[in-house]
């Protein structure tokens, strides 16, 4: 027997003498995700803050507007943009919103609503169908999201089903899931915040719907 034949014979013998390995059948009916211990609002806040986002918990829209006015003063924001008519109406008289489109690229903060909040990921789902459009979550240094607890869902799957139901299967051309401030580590594996979007993400999560 040649050396090659001897090696192949030993391999065959080892394979045939190896005991049968029984792999248990997976439980396909078990849940994929762990259930939250507390409320969806607490879960969302915990997960967003883990990725450097900020959550404030006003009681209602009026209180949220008061917090934005306070932030504008503290942060010395000169250019705030908001394209959502409902939010514009609420902010009127309390928050100075920039209306001059020529100043858009110099904006300090963008104020938008959202489609849904995904508690499991601490993510904000927005779409091009919203009154805020596509740009207010990309250009500003700070992105302020005004939302309420009825927009909270447990998982991304739930958010996708909810947005399909909301638009009756005719999905918006762009759906974006924002998880914390913009970041990248493509260059030299150095983390850089705000490379392709806001450096700060702040969600004002109201208890009451609006």
C-alpha atoms as a PDB file:
ATOM      1  CA  UNK A   1       0.000   0.000   0.000  1.00  0.00           C
ATOM      2  CA  UNK A   2       1.346   3.421  -0.952  1.00  0.00           C
ATOM      3  CA  UNK A   3       1.633   6.266   1.551  1.00  0.00           C
ATOM      4  CA  UNK A   4      -1.321   8.021  -0.065  1.00  0.00           C
ATOM      5  CA  UNK A   5      -3.507   4.924   0.139  1.00  0.00           C
ATOM      6  CA  UNK A   6      -2.448   4.383   3.741  1.00  0.00           C
ATOM      7  CA  UNK A   7      -3.457   7.952   4.714  1.00  0.00           C
ATOM      8  CA  UNK A   8      -6.828   7.680   2.952  1.00  0.00           C
ATOM      9  CA  UNK A   9      -7.504   4.324   4.601  1.00  0.00           C
ATOM     10  CA  UNK A  10      -6.786   5.765   8.043  1.00  0.00           C
ATOM     11  CA  UNK A  11      -9.078   8.713   7.362  1.00  0.00           C
ATOM     12  CA  UNK A  12     -11.847   6.367   6.257  1.00  0.00           C
ATOM     13  CA  UNK A  13     -11.381   4.176   9.327  1.00  0.00           C
ATOM     14  CA  UNK A  14     -11.506   7.221  11.614  1.00  0.00           C
ATOM     15  CA  UNK A  15     -14.697   8.446   9.993  1.00  0.00           C
ATOM     16  CA  UNK A  16     -16.398   5.063  10.245  1.00  0.00           C
ATOM     17  CA  UNK A  17     -15.402   4.578  13.883  1.00  0.00           C
ATOM     18  CA  UNK A  18     -16.541   8.048  14.981  1.00  0.00           C
ATOM     19  CA  UNK A  19     -19.650   7.864  17.190  1.00  0.00           C
ATOM     20  CA  UNK A  20     -22.889   9.329  15.871  1.00  0.00           C
ATOM     21  CA  UNK A  21     -23.450  12.912  16.976  1.00  0.00           C
ATOM     22  CA  UNK A  22     -27.018  13.777  17.870  1.00  0.00           C
ATOM     23  CA  UNK A  23     -27.869  17.450  17.387  1.00  0.00           C
ATOM     24  CA  UNK A  24     -30.976  18.543  19.266  1.00  0.00           C
ATOM     25  CA  UNK A  25     -33.847  19.924  17.208  1.00  0.00           C
ATOM     26  CA  UNK A  26     -34.110  23.738  17.591  1.00  0.00           C
ATOM     27  CA  UNK A  27     -37.255  25.087  19.194  1.00  0.00           C
ATOM     28  CA  UNK A  28     -38.587  27.116  16.296  1.00  0.00           C
ATOM     29  CA  UNK A  29     -41.547  28.249  18.361  1.00  0.00           C
ATOM     30  CA  UNK A  30     -39.479  30.010  21.020  1.00  0.00           C
ATOM     31  CA  UNK A  31     -39.348  33.835  20.938  1.00  0.00           C
ATOM     32  CA  UNK A  32     -36.459  35.412  19.021  1.00  0.00           C
ATOM     33  CA  UNK A  33     -36.051  38.396  21.346  1.00  0.00           C
ATOM     34  CA  UNK A  34     -36.095  38.824  25.094  1.00  0.00           C
ATOM     35  CA  UNK A  35     -39.143  40.587  26.459  1.00  0.00           C
ATOM     36  CA  UNK A  36     -38.555  43.943  28.217  1.00  0.00           C
ATOM     37  CA  UNK A  37     -38.674  44.005  32.001  1.00  0.00           C
ATOM     38  CA  UNK A  38     -40.256  47.462  32.262  1.00  0.00           C
ATOM     39  CA  UNK A  39     -42.310  49.724  30.020  1.00  0.00           C
ATOM     40  CA  UNK A  40     -41.603  50.231  26.322  1.00  0.00           C
ATOM     41  CA  UNK A  41     -40.737  53.877  27.047  1.00  0.00           C
ATOM     42  CA  UNK A  42     -38.113  52.856  29.613  1.00  0.00           C
ATOM     43  CA  UNK A  43     -36.732  50.180  27.280  1.00  0.00           C
ATOM     44  CA  UNK A  44     -36.506  52.634  24.378  1.00  0.00           C
ATOM     45  CA  UNK A  45     -34.756  55.227  26.551  1.00  0.00           C
ATOM     46  CA  UNK A  46     -32.268  52.702  27.911  1.00  0.00           C
ATOM     47  CA  UNK A  47     -31.316  51.418  24.460  1.00  0.00           C
ATOM     48  CA  UNK A  48     -31.063  54.843  22.817  1.00  0.00           C
ATOM     49  CA  UNK A  49     -28.897  56.188  25.612  1.00  0.00           C
ATOM     50  CA  UNK A  50     -26.580  53.183  25.201  1.00  0.00           C
ATOM     51  CA  UNK A  51     -25.695  54.561  21.741  1.00  0.00           C
ATOM     52  CA  UNK A  52     -25.212  58.165  22.900  1.00  0.00           C
ATOM     53  CA  UNK A  53     -28.727  59.421  22.198  1.00  0.00           C
ATOM     54  CA  UNK A  54     -30.734  61.490  24.672  1.00  0.00           C
ATOM     55  CA  UNK A  55     -34.350  61.027  25.752  1.00  0.00           C
ATOM     56  CA  UNK A  56     -36.480  63.601  27.565  1.00  0.00           C
ATOM     57  CA  UNK A  57     -39.885  62.609  28.927  1.00  0.00           C
ATOM     58  CA  UNK A  58     -42.339  65.552  28.851  1.00  0.00           C
ATOM     59  CA  UNK A  59     -45.964  64.986  29.791  1.00  0.00           C
ATOM     60  CA  UNK A  60     -47.401  66.476  26.606  1.00  0.00           C
ATOM     61  CA  UNK A  61     -46.592  68.487  23.484  1.00  0.00           C
ATOM     62  CA  UNK A  62     -46.854  71.811  25.319  1.00  0.00           C
ATOM     63  CA  UNK A  63     -44.245  70.690  27.849  1.00  0.00           C
ATOM     64  CA  UNK A  64     -42.040  69.412  25.012  1.00  0.00           C
ATOM     65  CA  UNK A  65     -42.162  72.853  23.369  1.00  0.00           C
ATOM     66  CA  UNK A  66     -41.107  74.430  26.670  1.00  0.00           C
ATOM     67  CA  UNK A  67     -38.105  72.085  26.826  1.00  0.00           C
ATOM     68  CA  UNK A  68     -37.116  72.967  23.246  1.00  0.00           C
ATOM     69  CA  UNK A  69     -37.333  76.684  24.087  1.00  0.00           C
ATOM     70  CA  UNK A  70     -35.097  76.088  27.098  1.00  0.00           C
ATOM     71  CA  UNK A  71     -32.602  74.127  25.004  1.00  0.00           C
ATOM     72  CA  UNK A  72     -32.547  76.840  22.355  1.00  0.00           C
ATOM     73  CA  UNK A  73     -31.552  79.364  25.002  1.00  0.00           C
ATOM     74  CA  UNK A  74     -28.979  77.120  26.693  1.00  0.00           C
ATOM     75  CA  UNK A  75     -27.344  75.954  23.455  1.00  0.00           C
ATOM     76  CA  UNK A  76     -27.622  79.378  21.771  1.00  0.00           C
ATOM     77  CA  UNK A  77     -29.243  77.893  18.679  1.00  0.00           C
ATOM     78  CA  UNK A  78     -29.762  80.651  16.131  1.00  0.00           C
ATOM     79  CA  UNK A  79     -31.135  78.609  13.252  1.00  0.00           C
ATOM     80  CA  UNK A  80     -33.804  76.012  14.009  1.00  0.00           C
ATOM     81  CA  UNK A  81     -35.784  74.542  11.147  1.00  0.00           C
ATOM     82  CA  UNK A  82     -39.094  72.709  11.340  1.00  0.00           C
ATOM     83  CA  UNK A  83     -41.221  71.750   8.331  1.00  0.00           C
ATOM     84  CA  UNK A  84     -43.988  69.874  10.168  1.00  0.00           C
ATOM     85  CA  UNK A  85     -47.138  72.105  10.243  1.00  0.00           C
ATOM     86  CA  UNK A  86     -48.407  70.579  13.509  1.00  0.00           C
ATOM     87  CA  UNK A  87     -45.102  71.146  15.253  1.00  0.00           C
ATOM     88  CA  UNK A  88     -44.716  74.605  13.709  1.00  0.00           C
ATOM     89  CA  UNK A  89     -48.072  75.608  15.189  1.00  0.00           C
ATOM     90  CA  UNK A  90     -47.119  74.259  18.613  1.00  0.00           C
ATOM     91  CA  UNK A  91     -43.699  75.964  18.541  1.00  0.00           C
ATOM     92  CA  UNK A  92     -45.053  79.333  17.358  1.00  0.00           C
ATOM     93  CA  UNK A  93     -44.472  82.125  19.869  1.00  0.00           C
ATOM     94  CA  UNK A  94     -42.174  80.085  22.096  1.00  0.00           C
ATOM     95  CA  UNK A  95     -39.396  78.822  19.827  1.00  0.00           C
ATOM     96  CA  UNK A  96     -37.744  80.977  17.177  1.00  0.00           C
ATOM     97  CA  UNK A  97     -37.890  78.923  13.963  1.00  0.00           C
ATOM     98  CA  UNK A  98     -35.883  79.961  10.918  1.00  0.00           C
ATOM     99  CA  UNK A  99     -38.072  80.452   7.833  1.00  0.00           C
ATOM    100  CA  UNK A 100     -35.403  81.718   5.433  1.00  0.00           C
ATOM    101  CA  UNK A 101     -34.431  78.863   3.095  1.00  0.00           C
ATOM    102  CA  UNK A 102     -31.208  80.668   2.214  1.00  0.00           C
ATOM    103  CA  UNK A 103     -30.038  79.979   5.784  1.00  0.00           C
ATOM    104  CA  UNK A 104     -30.866  76.264   5.688  1.00  0.00           C
ATOM    105  CA  UNK A 105     -27.303  74.969   5.390  1.00  0.00           C
ATOM    106  CA  UNK A 106     -26.329  77.006   8.447  1.00  0.00           C
ATOM    107  CA  UNK A 107     -29.018  75.479  10.648  1.00  0.00           C
ATOM    108  CA  UNK A 108     -28.100  74.412  14.182  1.00  0.00           C
ATOM    109  CA  UNK A 109     -30.944  71.976  14.807  1.00  0.00           C
ATOM    110  CA  UNK A 110     -33.763  70.302  12.911  1.00  0.00           C
ATOM    111  CA  UNK A 111     -37.069  69.500  14.590  1.00  0.00           C
ATOM    112  CA  UNK A 112     -39.112  66.614  13.198  1.00  0.00           C
ATOM    113  CA  UNK A 113     -41.702  64.062  14.134  1.00  0.00           C
ATOM    114  CA  UNK A 114     -41.286  60.379  13.311  1.00  0.00           C
ATOM    115  CA  UNK A 115     -43.183  57.320  12.161  1.00  0.00           C
ATOM    116  CA  UNK A 116     -42.401  54.950  15.036  1.00  0.00           C
ATOM    117  CA  UNK A 117     -39.948  54.357  17.884  1.00  0.00           C
ATOM    118  CA  UNK A 118     -38.413  50.865  18.084  1.00  0.00           C
ATOM    119  CA  UNK A 119     -37.843  50.078  21.767  1.00  0.00           C
ATOM    120  CA  UNK A 120     -35.664  46.984  21.230  1.00  0.00           C
ATOM    121  CA  UNK A 121     -33.098  48.984  19.241  1.00  0.00           C
ATOM    122  CA  UNK A 122     -33.590  52.454  20.679  1.00  0.00           C
ATOM    123  CA  UNK A 123     -34.267  53.531  17.091  1.00  0.00           C
ATOM    124  CA  UNK A 124     -36.319  56.261  15.450  1.00  0.00           C
ATOM    125  CA  UNK A 125     -38.109  55.302  12.225  1.00  0.00           C
ATOM    126  CA  UNK A 126     -38.749  58.174   9.825  1.00  0.00           C
ATOM    127  CA  UNK A 127     -39.869  58.272   6.210  1.00  0.00           C
ATOM    128  CA  UNK A 128     -39.971  60.584   3.206  1.00  0.00           C
ATOM    129  CA  UNK A 129     -43.780  60.680   3.497  1.00  0.00           C
ATOM    130  CA  UNK A 130     -43.612  62.744   6.688  1.00  0.00           C
ATOM    131  CA  UNK A 131     -44.082  66.540   6.488  1.00  0.00           C
ATOM    132  CA  UNK A 132     -40.413  66.974   7.457  1.00  0.00           C
ATOM    133  CA  UNK A 133     -39.205  65.312   4.260  1.00  0.00           C
ATOM    134  CA  UNK A 134     -35.700  63.894   3.859  1.00  0.00           C
ATOM    135  CA  UNK A 135     -33.241  66.607   4.811  1.00  0.00           C
ATOM    136  CA  UNK A 136     -33.937  67.628   8.417  1.00  0.00           C
ATOM    137  CA  UNK A 137     -32.509  64.405   9.830  1.00  0.00           C
ATOM    138  CA  UNK A 138     -29.312  64.687   7.746  1.00  0.00           C
ATOM    139  CA  UNK A 139     -28.044  68.296   7.637  1.00  0.00           C
ATOM    140  CA  UNK A 140     -28.340  69.731  11.171  1.00  0.00           C
ATOM    141  CA  UNK A 141     -25.778  69.336  13.941  1.00  0.00           C
ATOM    142  CA  UNK A 142     -28.619  68.330  16.267  1.00  0.00           C
ATOM    143  CA  UNK A 143     -31.758  66.364  15.417  1.00  0.00           C
ATOM    144  CA  UNK A 144     -34.725  66.872  17.748  1.00  0.00           C
ATOM    145  CA  UNK A 145     -37.504  64.293  17.429  1.00  0.00           C
ATOM    146  CA  UNK A 146     -40.880  65.020  19.015  1.00  0.00           C
ATOM    147  CA  UNK A 147     -42.884  61.820  19.520  1.00  0.00           C
ATOM    148  CA  UNK A 148     -45.416  60.216  21.847  1.00  0.00           C
ATOM    149  CA  UNK A 149     -45.779  56.850  23.514  1.00  0.00           C
ATOM    150  CA  UNK A 150     -48.394  55.505  21.084  1.00  0.00           C
ATOM    151  CA  UNK A 151     -45.633  55.488  18.469  1.00  0.00           C
ATOM    152  CA  UNK A 152     -43.610  52.974  20.490  1.00  0.00           C
ATOM    153  CA  UNK A 153     -43.342  49.410  19.203  1.00  0.00           C
ATOM    154  CA  UNK A 154     -41.330  46.516  20.592  1.00  0.00           C
ATOM    155  CA  UNK A 155     -39.332  45.330  17.600  1.00  0.00           C
ATOM    156  CA  UNK A 156     -38.315  46.395  14.092  1.00  0.00           C
ATOM    157  CA  UNK A 157     -40.654  43.736  12.688  1.00  0.00           C
ATOM    158  CA  UNK A 158     -43.555  45.488  14.449  1.00  0.00           C
ATOM    159  CA  UNK A 159     -42.507  48.862  13.040  1.00  0.00           C
ATOM    160  CA  UNK A 160     -42.374  47.486   9.486  1.00  0.00           C
ATOM    161  CA  UNK A 161     -45.832  45.938   9.826  1.00  0.00           C
ATOM    162  CA  UNK A 162     -47.187  49.149  11.347  1.00  0.00           C
ATOM    163  CA  UNK A 163     -45.833  51.381   8.586  1.00  0.00           C
ATOM    164  CA  UNK A 164     -47.237  49.057   5.921  1.00  0.00           C
ATOM    165  CA  UNK A 165     -50.631  49.261   7.598  1.00  0.00           C
ATOM    166  CA  UNK A 166     -50.381  53.043   7.942  1.00  0.00           C
ATOM    167  CA  UNK A 167     -49.742  53.546   4.225  1.00  0.00           C
ATOM    168  CA  UNK A 168     -51.952  50.646   3.121  1.00  0.00           C
ATOM    169  CA  UNK A 169     -49.090  48.762   1.520  1.00  0.00           C
ATOM    170  CA  UNK A 170     -47.925  51.753  -0.577  1.00  0.00           C
ATOM    171  CA  UNK A 171     -44.686  52.359   1.269  1.00  0.00           C
ATOM    172  CA  UNK A 172     -42.857  55.715   1.148  1.00  0.00           C
ATOM    173  CA  UNK A 173     -39.892  55.889  -1.231  1.00  0.00           C
ATOM    174  CA  UNK A 174     -37.488  56.235   1.722  1.00  0.00           C
ATOM    175  CA  UNK A 175     -37.717  54.656   5.174  1.00  0.00           C
ATOM    176  CA  UNK A 176     -34.826  55.350   7.558  1.00  0.00           C
ATOM    177  CA  UNK A 177     -34.099  53.800  10.934  1.00  0.00           C
ATOM    178  CA  UNK A 178     -31.949  56.138  13.064  1.00  0.00           C
ATOM    179  CA  UNK A 179     -30.113  54.525  15.970  1.00  0.00           C
ATOM    180  CA  UNK A 180     -28.256  57.238  17.850  1.00  0.00           C
ATOM    181  CA  UNK A 181     -26.173  60.081  16.429  1.00  0.00           C
ATOM    182  CA  UNK A 182     -24.402  59.581  13.106  1.00  0.00           C
ATOM    183  CA  UNK A 183     -21.064  57.790  13.417  1.00  0.00           C
ATOM    184  CA  UNK A 184     -18.426  56.006  11.377  1.00  0.00           C
ATOM    185  CA  UNK A 185     -15.108  54.257  12.032  1.00  0.00           C
ATOM    186  CA  UNK A 186     -14.144  53.591   8.407  1.00  0.00           C
ATOM    187  CA  UNK A 187     -10.889  55.566   8.563  1.00  0.00           C
ATOM    188  CA  UNK A 188      -8.134  54.110  10.763  1.00  0.00           C
ATOM    189  CA  UNK A 189     -10.888  52.510  12.907  1.00  0.00           C
ATOM    190  CA  UNK A 190     -11.287  55.840  14.695  1.00  0.00           C
ATOM    191  CA  UNK A 191     -14.855  56.627  15.758  1.00  0.00           C
ATOM    192  CA  UNK A 192     -16.061  59.927  14.309  1.00  0.00           C
ATOM    193  CA  UNK A 193     -19.439  61.379  15.303  1.00  0.00           C
ATOM    194  CA  UNK A 194     -21.527  63.377  12.855  1.00  0.00           C
ATOM    195  CA  UNK A 195     -19.734  62.292   9.672  1.00  0.00           C
ATOM    196  CA  UNK A 196     -22.893  61.782   7.619  1.00  0.00           C
ATOM    197  CA  UNK A 197     -25.606  63.194   9.842  1.00  0.00           C
ATOM    198  CA  UNK A 198     -26.255  64.928  13.182  1.00  0.00           C
ATOM    199  CA  UNK A 199     -23.771  64.709  16.046  1.00  0.00           C
ATOM    200  CA  UNK A 200     -26.613  64.757  18.564  1.00  0.00           C
ATOM    201  CA  UNK A 201     -29.960  62.953  18.589  1.00  0.00           C
ATOM    202  CA  UNK A 202     -32.522  64.034  21.165  1.00  0.00           C
ATOM    203  CA  UNK A 203     -35.977  62.456  21.437  1.00  0.00           C
ATOM    204  CA  UNK A 204     -38.716  64.245  23.357  1.00  0.00           C
ATOM    205  CA  UNK A 205     -41.053  61.359  24.209  1.00  0.00           C
ATOM    206  CA  UNK A 206     -44.420  62.696  25.356  1.00  0.00           C
ATOM    207  CA  UNK A 207     -46.703  60.632  27.560  1.00  0.00           C
ATOM    208  CA  UNK A 208     -49.833  62.016  25.879  1.00  0.00           C
ATOM    209  CA  UNK A 209     -50.576  61.694  22.127  1.00  0.00           C
ATOM    210  CA  UNK A 210     -50.903  64.777  19.959  1.00  0.00           C
END
